[in-house]
C-alpha atoms as a PDB file:
ATOM      1  CA  MET A   1     -30.017   6.254  25.432  1.00  0.00           C
ATOM      2  CA  ASN A   2     -26.576   6.109  24.339  1.00  0.00           C
ATOM      3  CA  GLU A   3     -25.924   3.610  21.548  1.00  0.00           C
ATOM      4  CA  LYS A   4     -22.610   2.877  20.506  1.00  0.00           C
ATOM      5  CA  GLN A   5     -22.155   2.150  16.755  1.00  0.00           C
ATOM      6  CA  PHE A   6     -19.521  -0.194  15.316  1.00  0.00           C
ATOM      7  CA  GLU A   7     -18.750  -0.003  11.729  1.00  0.00           C
ATOM      8  CA  TRP A   8     -18.711  -3.304  10.167  1.00  0.00           C
ATOM      9  CA  TYR A   9     -18.514  -4.061   6.578  1.00  0.00           C
ATOM     10  CA  GLU A  10     -19.753  -7.631   5.011  1.00  0.00           C
ATOM     11  CA  VAL A  11     -17.258  -8.496   2.699  1.00  0.00           C
ATOM     12  CA  ASP A  12     -18.146 -11.132  -0.088  1.00  0.00           C
ATOM     13  CA  VAL A  13     -15.243 -13.400  -0.954  1.00  0.00           C
ATOM     14  CA  GLU A  14     -15.192 -15.657  -3.895  1.00  0.00           C
ATOM     15  CA  PHE A  15     -13.200 -19.126  -3.247  1.00  0.00           C
ATOM     16  CA  ILE A  16     -12.193 -21.401  -6.287  1.00  0.00           C
ATOM     17  CA  THR A  17     -12.527 -25.163  -5.080  1.00  0.00           C
ATOM     18  CA  GLU A  18     -11.856 -28.394  -7.286  1.00  0.00           C
ATOM     19  CA  THR A  19     -13.908 -31.187  -6.777  1.00  0.00           C
ATOM     20  CA  GLU A  20     -13.821 -34.466  -8.357  1.00  0.00           C
ATOM     21  CA  GLY A  21     -16.709 -35.727 -10.596  1.00  0.00           C
ATOM     22  CA  ARG A  22     -17.951 -39.528 -10.601  1.00  0.00           C
ATOM     23  CA  ASN A  23     -15.650 -40.228 -13.729  1.00  0.00           C
ATOM     24  CA  GLY A  24     -12.540 -38.693 -12.209  1.00  0.00           C
ATOM     25  CA  ASP A  25     -12.579 -35.632 -13.964  1.00  0.00           C
ATOM     26  CA  VAL A  26     -11.801 -32.366 -11.909  1.00  0.00           C
ATOM     27  CA  LYS A  27     -14.322 -29.944 -11.951  1.00  0.00           C
ATOM     28  CA  GLN A  28     -13.978 -25.969 -10.409  1.00  0.00           C
ATOM     29  CA  ARG A  29     -16.452 -24.634  -8.518  1.00  0.00           C
ATOM     30  CA  VAL A  30     -16.791 -21.042  -7.376  1.00  0.00           C
ATOM     31  CA  THR A  31     -18.395 -20.489  -4.087  1.00  0.00           C
ATOM     32  CA  THR A  32     -19.076 -17.216  -2.081  1.00  0.00           C
ATOM     33  CA  GLU A  33     -18.701 -16.852   1.465  1.00  0.00           C
ATOM     34  CA  LYS A  34     -19.301 -13.601   3.825  1.00  0.00           C
ATOM     35  CA  TYR A  35     -17.010 -12.093   6.341  1.00  0.00           C
ATOM     36  CA  LEU A  36     -17.739  -9.563   8.934  1.00  0.00           C
ATOM     37  CA  VAL A  37     -14.880  -7.184   8.975  1.00  0.00           C
ATOM     38  CA  ASN A  38     -14.197  -4.175  11.364  1.00  0.00           C
ATOM     39  CA  ALA A  39     -13.160  -1.180   9.105  1.00  0.00           C
ATOM     40  CA  THR A  40     -13.610   2.541   8.600  1.00  0.00           C
ATOM     41  CA  SER A  41     -14.374   2.302   4.829  1.00  0.00           C
ATOM     42  CA  PRO A  42     -14.757  -0.206   2.276  1.00  0.00           C
ATOM     43  CA  THR A  43     -11.341  -0.116   0.818  1.00  0.00           C
ATOM     44  CA  GLU A  44      -9.932  -0.578   4.515  1.00  0.00           C
ATOM     45  CA  ALA A  45     -12.289  -3.621   4.968  1.00  0.00           C
ATOM     46  CA  GLU A  46     -11.088  -5.429   1.783  1.00  0.00           C
ATOM     47  CA  ALA A  47      -7.522  -4.709   3.073  1.00  0.00           C
ATOM     48  CA  ASN A  48      -8.158  -6.107   6.365  1.00  0.00           C
ATOM     49  CA  PHE A  49      -9.402  -9.301   4.766  1.00  0.00           C
ATOM     50  CA  ASN A  50      -6.843  -9.513   2.308  1.00  0.00           C
ATOM     51  CA  ALA A  51      -4.468  -9.300   5.690  1.00  0.00           C
ATOM     52  CA  TYR A  52      -6.425 -11.893   7.438  1.00  0.00           C
ATOM     53  CA  ALA A  53      -6.467 -14.382   4.423  1.00  0.00           C
ATOM     54  CA  ALA A  54      -2.519 -14.010   4.156  1.00  0.00           C
ATOM     55  CA  GLU A  55      -2.334 -15.021   7.435  1.00  0.00           C
ATOM     56  CA  LYS A  56      -4.757 -18.133   7.106  1.00  0.00           C
ATOM     57  CA  GLN A  57      -2.724 -18.845   4.305  1.00  0.00           C
ATOM     58  CA  PHE A  58      -6.139 -18.582   1.582  1.00  0.00           C
ATOM     59  CA  VAL A  59      -5.493 -19.303  -1.936  1.00  0.00           C
ATOM     60  CA  ASP A  60      -7.305 -18.995  -4.937  1.00  0.00           C
ATOM     61  CA  PHE A  61      -9.934 -16.210  -3.640  1.00  0.00           C
ATOM     62  CA  ARG A  62     -11.391 -12.702  -4.828  1.00  0.00           C
ATOM     63  CA  THR A  63     -12.761 -10.227  -2.812  1.00  0.00           C
ATOM     64  CA  LYS A  64     -15.942  -9.137  -4.521  1.00  0.00           C
ATOM     65  CA  LYS A  65     -17.526  -6.302  -2.633  1.00  0.00           C
ATOM     66  CA  ALA A  66     -17.765  -4.921   1.187  1.00  0.00           C
ATOM     67  CA  VAL A  67     -20.735  -3.168   2.281  1.00  0.00           C
ATOM     68  CA  GLU A  68     -21.070  -1.570   5.717  1.00  0.00           C
ATOM     69  CA  LYS A  69     -23.532  -3.144   7.940  1.00  0.00           C
ATOM     70  CA  LYS A  70     -24.814  -1.105  10.823  1.00  0.00           C
ATOM     71  CA  TYR A  71     -24.832  -2.619  14.287  1.00  0.00           C
ATOM     72  CA  ILE A  72     -25.609  -0.966  17.643  1.00  0.00           C
ATOM     73  CA  ASP A  73     -23.504  -3.482  19.763  1.00  0.00           C
ATOM     74  CA  VAL A  74     -22.172  -6.911  19.579  1.00  0.00           C
ATOM     75  CA  VAL A  75     -23.289  -9.101  22.318  1.00  0.00           C
ATOM     76  CA  LYS A  76     -21.109 -12.280  23.681  1.00  0.00           C
END
């Protein structure tokens, strides 16, 4: 069985969002989202995500970590 492995990294990204409370005060909230990024190292995964974020014009974000995930194949 010939299994092809892809090099994918799960990148955790923190976003700061502002929400308005009931009394009109503005609160900041930190949320973490996960992105799956094709790369050859954690450093490259973060760089690839940052390029993606710049293209999408993301603001107020911080990449927290990139962890390699092993996949045999991607099924469409």
